[in-house]
Amino acid sequence: MAAEPLKTLFYPFEAEALPLPRQDARVLFLGAEPGFRLPGGFDAALHCVQGFRPHFRALQASGHAVMPRVEGSGFDITLVLAGRHRGQNELRIAEAIERVAPGGLIVVAGGKEDGIDSLRKRIDALAPLGGRLPKHHGLAFWLRPTTSDAAAALRAANPGLVVEGRFRTAPGMFSFDRIDAGSKLLVANLPGDLKGNVADFCAGWGYLAAEVAERSSGLTGLDLYEADFEALEAAKANVRAAVEPRFFWTDLLTEAVERRYDAIVMNPPFHSGRATEPEIGVGMIRTASKALKPGGRLFMVANRQLPYEQVLSAVLASHAEIARDGMFKVFSARR
């Protein structure tokens, strides 16, 4: 969680650099993450936007109104929590400008290590800022735009991408500007006889599923599971198959998979923020093992240094490393 930037975002209200919103004010919160504490007297209801399923569910559990994609306009205030992805930050600010009422307040905050000061300078060149305030190893800045010119400029600087002439992506998605090398290695080592009901866990914008659909003539079902709402929306445009694909916006670590599969392919994440967390992949392997039919096969790729062999041995009947390069290894396993 972005604990420090969350504190920074609300600090201008605590420090009385900005007035607290009226109780009936409409406040939009783009990139909302769980764990924030509202300043005393900040009684306006938040309309939180969060497309990462674990954060979405945590915000819901805390009683906040949350949606995976922005709805509505004419907000009195828009809060923007900036992260590590430059393009995603700029598009969120463009969204904030478009959704706030003319002259309404936009407050942006992020961590110094994530480039918040560079973001401030870029925005200040497009729309004059009303102020800034550093705190908690980060920076908050704010503006009251009266036109949407800055939003148009930010969108023009961050157009949607088409990877290798066929896959539509956007900033903020995993490997949004190229096909991930690990996924390529996995595809190169998939068998040509995949058939039956197949799933892509951690499907992203759909590369693995698209390749499985293209190479496998015996599919009776193809399901994509992904925690990133926008990536899954992109996958809906990117994946074409003889069978109608199904798409599940799901946190595979905490939400049950109801269907059972003849094969599962996956390139599980292993980072949470900047930290390497092998336990994410371990959890994905456990989920995959439960979702496979008896005799079903798992094909997965992982960074070479990640120790997944032990959990593969513990939860599946057999496994083998079938490929390796300088960075990745590919496993085949059977339930």
Protein backbone atom coordinates (compact mmCIF):
# COMPACT_ATOMS: atom_id res chain seq x y z
CA MET A 1 0.00 0.00 0.00
CA ALA A 2 1.07 3.55 -0.66
CA ALA A 3 0.97 4.46 3.04
CA GLU A 4 3.21 7.54 2.91
CA PRO A 5 1.74 9.07 -0.29
CA LEU A 6 -1.74 8.55 1.14
CA LYS A 7 -0.75 10.63 4.17
CA THR A 8 0.79 13.24 1.87
CA LEU A 9 -2.41 13.48 -0.19
CA PHE A 10 -4.54 14.53 2.77
CA TYR A 11 -1.88 16.62 4.51
CA PRO A 12 -2.82 19.95 2.81
CA PHE A 13 -6.25 19.65 4.47
CA GLU A 14 -4.72 18.78 7.84
CA ALA A 15 -2.26 21.70 7.59
CA GLU A 16 -5.10 24.07 6.61
CA ALA A 17 -3.32 24.92 3.36
CA LEU A 18 -6.61 23.90 1.75
CA PRO A 19 -10.08 24.27 3.26
CA LEU A 20 -11.94 21.14 4.26
CA PRO A 21 -14.72 20.26 1.80
CA ARG A 22 -18.34 20.88 2.67
CA GLN A 23 -20.19 17.87 3.99
CA ASP A 24 -22.31 17.74 0.82
CA ALA A 25 -19.33 18.12 -1.56
CA ARG A 26 -18.76 15.44 -4.19
CA VAL A 27 -15.18 14.19 -3.92
CA LEU A 28 -13.68 11.85 -6.53
CA PHE A 29 -10.62 9.81 -5.54
CA LEU A 30 -8.64 8.42 -8.49
CA GLY A 31 -6.17 5.62 -7.76
CA ALA A 32 -7.63 5.22 -4.27
CA GLU A 33 -5.82 2.68 -2.11
CA PRO A 34 -6.96 1.24 1.22
CA GLY A 35 -5.50 2.32 4.54
CA PHE A 36 -5.97 6.08 4.42
CA ARG A 37 -7.23 8.15 7.34
CA LEU A 38 -9.38 11.19 6.64
CA PRO A 39 -8.46 14.39 8.50
CA GLY A 40 -10.76 15.50 11.28
CA GLY A 41 -13.69 17.41 9.84
CA PHE A 42 -13.32 15.88 6.36
CA ASP A 43 -16.91 14.66 6.24
CA ALA A 44 -17.60 14.70 2.50
CA ALA A 45 -18.29 11.30 0.96
CA LEU A 46 -15.60 9.88 -1.30
CA HIS A 47 -16.27 8.31 -4.69
CA CYS A 48 -13.25 6.00 -4.93
CA VAL A 49 -11.93 4.62 -8.22
CA GLN A 50 -9.68 1.56 -8.07
CA GLY A 51 -9.28 -1.09 -10.77
CA PHE A 52 -6.88 -3.40 -8.89
CA ARG A 53 -9.16 -6.05 -7.46
CA PRO A 54 -7.46 -6.59 -4.05
CA HIS A 55 -7.49 -2.83 -3.34
CA PHE A 56 -11.07 -2.57 -4.65
CA ARG A 57 -12.26 -5.26 -2.25
CA ALA A 58 -10.36 -3.78 0.69
CA LEU A 59 -11.93 -0.36 0.08
CA GLN A 60 -15.35 -1.97 -0.14
CA ALA A 61 -14.75 -3.83 3.12
CA SER A 62 -13.87 -0.50 4.76
CA GLY A 63 -17.27 0.89 3.78
CA HIS A 64 -16.17 3.18 0.94
CA ALA A 65 -18.11 3.63 -2.29
CA VAL A 66 -15.74 2.28 -4.93
CA MET A 67 -15.89 1.62 -8.66
CA PRO A 68 -13.31 0.11 -11.05
CA ARG A 69 -13.74 2.88 -13.64
CA VAL A 70 -14.76 6.55 -13.35
CA GLU A 71 -18.45 7.37 -13.49
CA GLY A 72 -20.04 10.82 -13.32
CA SER A 73 -18.73 14.36 -13.63
CA GLY A 74 -19.03 17.78 -12.04
CA PHE A 75 -17.14 16.78 -8.90
CA ASP A 76 -16.22 19.57 -6.47
CA ILE A 77 -12.84 18.01 -5.65
CA THR A 78 -10.78 15.29 -7.29
CA LEU A 79 -7.95 13.59 -5.41
CA VAL A 80 -5.26 11.79 -7.43
CA LEU A 81 -2.86 9.30 -5.84
CA ALA A 82 0.15 9.13 -8.15
CA GLY A 83 2.21 5.97 -8.48
CA ARG A 84 5.25 4.73 -10.38
CA HIS A 85 3.86 4.85 -13.93
CA ARG A 86 4.31 8.22 -15.60
CA GLY A 87 1.72 7.68 -18.31
CA GLN A 88 -0.88 6.38 -15.88
CA ASN A 89 -0.33 9.37 -13.58
CA GLU A 90 -0.78 11.81 -16.45
CA LEU A 91 -3.92 10.07 -17.67
CA ARG A 92 -5.38 10.15 -14.16
CA ILE A 93 -4.77 13.89 -13.96
CA ALA A 94 -6.39 14.30 -17.39
CA GLU A 95 -9.38 12.35 -16.05
CA ALA A 96 -9.44 14.57 -12.97
CA ILE A 97 -9.54 17.73 -15.09
CA GLU A 98 -12.35 16.32 -17.23
CA ARG A 99 -14.43 15.15 -14.28
CA VAL A 100 -14.09 18.11 -11.89
CA ALA A 101 -16.46 21.06 -12.13
CA PRO A 102 -14.97 24.19 -13.78
CA GLY A 103 -12.76 25.84 -11.18
CA GLY A 104 -13.01 22.80 -8.92
CA LEU A 105 -10.05 21.63 -6.86
CA ILE A 106 -7.64 18.88 -7.96
CA VAL A 107 -5.10 17.60 -5.42
CA VAL A 108 -2.29 15.27 -6.54
CA ALA A 109 0.23 13.51 -4.30
CA GLY A 110 2.95 10.90 -4.64
CA GLY A 111 6.30 9.74 -3.33
CA LYS A 112 9.57 11.45 -4.16
CA GLU A 113 11.08 8.13 -5.31
CA ASP A 114 8.24 7.77 -7.81
CA GLY A 115 8.99 11.06 -9.56
CA ILE A 116 6.28 13.28 -8.10
CA ASP A 117 8.36 16.45 -8.50
CA SER A 118 8.86 15.79 -12.22
CA LEU A 119 5.12 15.22 -12.54
CA ARG A 120 4.48 18.54 -10.76
CA LYS A 121 6.72 20.38 -13.22
CA ARG A 122 5.01 18.81 -16.24
CA ILE A 123 1.55 19.72 -14.96
CA ASP A 124 2.62 23.23 -13.98
CA ALA A 125 3.74 23.80 -17.57
CA LEU A 126 0.21 22.97 -18.76
CA ALA A 127 -1.95 24.50 -16.05
CA PRO A 128 -0.78 26.90 -13.32
CA LEU A 129 -0.65 25.30 -9.91
CA GLY A 130 -2.26 26.82 -6.86
CA GLY A 131 0.31 25.50 -4.43
CA ARG A 132 2.41 22.60 -3.23
CA LEU A 133 3.32 21.08 0.11
CA PRO A 134 5.98 18.42 0.88
CA LYS A 135 5.38 15.89 3.65
CA HIS A 136 5.96 12.21 4.49
CA HIS A 137 8.76 11.76 1.90
CA GLY A 138 6.41 12.98 -0.81
CA LEU A 139 4.77 16.02 -2.31
CA ALA A 140 1.21 17.25 -2.73
CA PHE A 141 0.28 19.91 -5.28
CA TRP A 142 -3.03 21.34 -6.39
CA LEU A 143 -4.72 23.30 -9.14
CA ARG A 144 -8.11 24.66 -10.14
CA PRO A 145 -8.35 24.29 -13.94
CA THR A 146 -10.96 26.34 -15.75
CA THR A 147 -10.59 24.62 -19.15
CA SER A 148 -9.85 21.10 -20.37
CA ASP A 149 -6.85 22.16 -22.48
CA ALA A 150 -4.35 20.51 -20.13
CA ALA A 151 -6.33 17.27 -20.19
CA ALA A 152 -6.25 17.23 -23.99
CA ALA A 153 -2.48 17.75 -23.96
CA LEU A 154 -1.95 14.95 -21.44
CA ARG A 155 -4.08 12.54 -23.46
CA ALA A 156 -2.24 13.45 -26.65
CA ALA A 157 1.05 12.67 -24.90
CA ASN A 158 -0.22 9.26 -23.78
CA PRO A 159 -2.11 7.60 -26.63
CA GLY A 160 -3.16 3.97 -26.37
CA LEU A 161 -0.56 1.57 -27.69
CA VAL A 162 -0.78 -1.33 -30.15
CA VAL A 163 1.92 -3.89 -29.36
CA GLU A 164 3.28 -5.85 -32.34
CA GLY A 165 0.45 -4.55 -34.48
CA ARG A 166 -2.30 -6.52 -32.72
CA PHE A 167 -2.50 -6.03 -28.95
CA ARG A 168 -4.09 -2.89 -27.51
CA THR A 169 -2.65 -1.75 -24.18
CA ALA A 170 -2.37 1.37 -22.03
CA PRO A 171 0.11 2.83 -19.51
CA GLY A 172 -0.03 1.24 -16.09
CA MET A 173 -0.68 -2.30 -17.32
CA PHE A 174 2.00 -4.92 -16.83
CA SER A 175 4.43 -4.85 -19.78
CA PHE A 176 2.19 -2.33 -21.57
CA ASP A 177 4.78 -1.39 -24.23
CA ARG A 178 6.07 -4.83 -25.25
CA ILE A 179 5.39 -8.53 -24.93
CA ASP A 180 6.96 -9.76 -21.71
CA ALA A 181 10.03 -11.93 -22.36
CA GLY A 182 8.92 -14.53 -19.81
CA SER A 183 5.53 -14.88 -21.48
CA LYS A 184 7.24 -15.29 -24.85
CA LEU A 185 9.38 -18.11 -23.46
CA LEU A 186 6.32 -19.81 -22.04
CA VAL A 187 4.45 -19.60 -25.36
CA ALA A 188 7.47 -21.02 -27.21
CA ASN A 189 7.35 -24.08 -24.96
CA LEU A 190 3.62 -24.78 -24.80
CA PRO A 191 2.54 -28.09 -26.31
CA GLY A 192 0.56 -28.03 -29.51
CA ASP A 193 -2.14 -30.34 -28.16
CA LEU A 194 -3.83 -28.16 -25.53
CA LYS A 195 -7.52 -28.98 -25.59
CA GLY A 196 -10.65 -28.93 -23.48
CA ASN A 197 -11.32 -26.22 -20.95
CA VAL A 198 -8.26 -23.95 -20.59
CA ALA A 199 -7.64 -20.93 -18.36
CA ASP A 200 -5.11 -18.12 -18.35
CA PHE A 201 -4.38 -17.04 -14.77
CA CYS A 202 -2.98 -13.50 -14.36
CA ALA A 203 -4.00 -12.90 -17.96
CA GLY A 204 -3.02 -9.22 -18.20
CA TRP A 205 -4.00 -7.73 -21.55
CA GLY A 206 -4.38 -11.18 -23.07
CA TYR A 207 -1.16 -12.21 -24.78
CA LEU A 208 -0.98 -15.79 -23.44
CA ALA A 209 -4.67 -16.46 -24.00
CA ALA A 210 -4.50 -15.08 -27.54
CA GLU A 211 -1.57 -17.36 -28.37
CA VAL A 212 -3.28 -20.38 -26.82
CA ALA A 213 -6.42 -19.66 -28.86
CA GLU A 214 -4.38 -19.33 -32.05
CA ARG A 215 -2.35 -22.53 -31.53
CA SER A 216 -4.97 -24.87 -30.04
CA SER A 217 -7.77 -26.27 -32.19
CA GLY A 218 -9.30 -28.47 -29.50
CA LEU A 219 -10.47 -25.84 -27.06
CA THR A 220 -13.96 -26.18 -25.61
CA GLY A 221 -13.52 -23.22 -23.27
CA LEU A 222 -11.07 -20.36 -22.69
CA ASP A 223 -11.28 -18.33 -19.47
CA LEU A 224 -9.14 -15.33 -18.51
CA TYR A 225 -8.61 -14.30 -14.87
CA GLU A 226 -7.01 -10.95 -14.06
CA ALA A 227 -6.94 -8.54 -11.10
CA ASP A 228 -6.32 -5.38 -13.19
CA PHE A 229 -9.70 -4.18 -14.48
CA GLU A 230 -8.33 -2.09 -17.35
CA ALA A 231 -5.97 -4.85 -18.50
CA LEU A 232 -8.89 -7.28 -18.59
CA GLU A 233 -10.93 -4.78 -20.60
CA ALA A 234 -8.04 -4.62 -23.07
CA ALA A 235 -7.93 -8.42 -23.21
CA LYS A 236 -11.56 -8.44 -24.33
CA ALA A 237 -10.45 -6.65 -27.47
CA ASN A 238 -7.22 -8.61 -27.89
CA VAL A 239 -8.37 -12.24 -27.57
CA ARG A 240 -10.23 -13.94 -30.38
CA ALA A 241 -11.01 -17.65 -30.27
CA ALA A 242 -13.21 -20.25 -31.93
CA VAL A 243 -14.91 -20.62 -28.55
CA GLU A 244 -16.26 -17.50 -26.83
CA PRO A 245 -13.71 -16.42 -24.20
CA ARG A 246 -14.92 -15.60 -20.71
CA PHE A 247 -13.36 -12.90 -18.57
CA PHE A 248 -13.16 -12.80 -14.78
CA TRP A 249 -12.03 -9.73 -12.81
CA THR A 250 -10.75 -11.69 -9.84
CA ASP A 251 -8.20 -11.73 -7.05
CA LEU A 252 -6.95 -15.29 -7.44
CA LEU A 253 -5.36 -15.25 -3.99
CA THR A 254 -8.59 -14.60 -2.10
CA GLU A 255 -11.54 -15.35 -4.41
CA ALA A 256 -12.57 -18.89 -5.29
CA VAL A 257 -12.34 -20.25 -8.83
CA GLU A 258 -15.58 -22.14 -9.49
CA ARG A 259 -14.72 -23.86 -12.77
CA ARG A 260 -12.27 -26.76 -13.31
CA TYR A 261 -9.74 -26.90 -16.14
CA ASP A 262 -7.89 -29.36 -18.32
CA ALA A 263 -4.99 -26.91 -18.52
CA ILE A 264 -3.92 -23.62 -16.99
CA VAL A 265 -1.23 -21.29 -18.30
CA MET A 266 0.16 -18.47 -16.20
CA ASN A 267 2.87 -15.89 -15.71
CA PRO A 268 2.19 -14.91 -12.09
CA PRO A 269 3.38 -11.59 -10.65
CA PHE A 270 6.11 -11.62 -8.04
CA HIS A 271 6.20 -7.97 -6.99
CA SER A 272 4.09 -5.93 -4.61
CA GLY A 273 5.25 -2.37 -5.13
CA ARG A 274 9.04 -2.50 -5.30
CA ALA A 275 9.47 -5.60 -3.13
CA THR A 276 9.89 -9.12 -4.48
CA GLU A 277 7.26 -11.38 -2.94
CA PRO A 278 7.55 -15.02 -3.99
CA GLU A 279 4.50 -15.79 -1.84
CA ILE A 280 2.28 -14.29 -4.54
CA GLY A 281 3.42 -16.94 -7.00
CA VAL A 282 3.16 -19.64 -4.35
CA GLY A 283 -0.46 -18.66 -3.76
CA MET A 284 -1.17 -18.68 -7.50
CA ILE A 285 0.25 -22.20 -7.81
CA ARG A 286 -1.96 -23.39 -4.95
CA THR A 287 -5.02 -21.80 -6.58
CA ALA A 288 -4.15 -23.37 -9.93
CA SER A 289 -3.74 -26.82 -8.39
CA LYS A 290 -7.26 -26.63 -6.92
CA ALA A 291 -8.71 -25.42 -10.23
CA LEU A 292 -7.22 -28.25 -12.31
CA LYS A 293 -9.14 -31.41 -13.05
CA PRO A 294 -7.45 -34.69 -12.06
CA GLY A 295 -4.69 -35.17 -14.62
CA GLY A 296 -4.93 -31.52 -15.65
CA ARG A 297 -1.74 -29.68 -16.63
CA LEU A 298 -0.19 -26.44 -15.47
CA PHE A 299 2.28 -24.48 -17.58
CA MET A 300 3.95 -21.50 -15.93
CA VAL A 301 6.94 -19.22 -16.27
CA ALA A 302 8.89 -17.65 -13.41
CA ASN A 303 12.08 -15.71 -12.81
CA ARG A 304 14.97 -18.12 -12.39
CA GLN A 305 15.72 -17.15 -8.79
CA LEU A 306 12.18 -17.73 -7.48
CA PRO A 307 11.89 -20.97 -5.45
CA TYR A 308 8.65 -22.47 -6.72
CA GLU A 309 9.83 -26.07 -7.01
CA GLN A 310 8.91 -26.91 -3.41
CA VAL A 311 5.28 -25.80 -3.70
CA LEU A 312 4.93 -27.50 -7.10
CA SER A 313 6.07 -30.75 -5.45
CA ALA A 314 3.73 -30.25 -2.51
CA VAL A 315 0.47 -29.57 -4.38
CA LEU A 316 0.83 -31.34 -7.74
CA ALA A 317 1.50 -34.96 -8.64
CA SER A 318 4.52 -34.18 -10.83
CA HIS A 319 6.43 -31.28 -12.29
CA ALA A 320 9.44 -30.63 -14.49
CA GLU A 321 11.42 -27.67 -15.72
CA ILE A 322 11.05 -27.75 -19.50
CA ALA A 323 12.90 -24.57 -20.54
CA ARG A 324 15.28 -21.96 -19.20
CA ASP A 325 17.09 -18.88 -20.44
CA GLY A 326 19.17 -16.20 -18.79
CA MET A 327 16.23 -14.80 -16.82
CA PHE A 328 13.34 -17.26 -16.75
CA LYS A 329 12.40 -20.89 -16.28
CA VAL A 330 9.29 -22.70 -17.54
CA PHE A 331 7.54 -25.47 -15.61
CA SER A 332 5.14 -28.13 -16.69
CA ALA A 333 3.16 -29.83 -13.94
CA ARG A 334 0.31 -32.28 -13.66
CA ARG A 335 -2.31 -32.69 -10.99
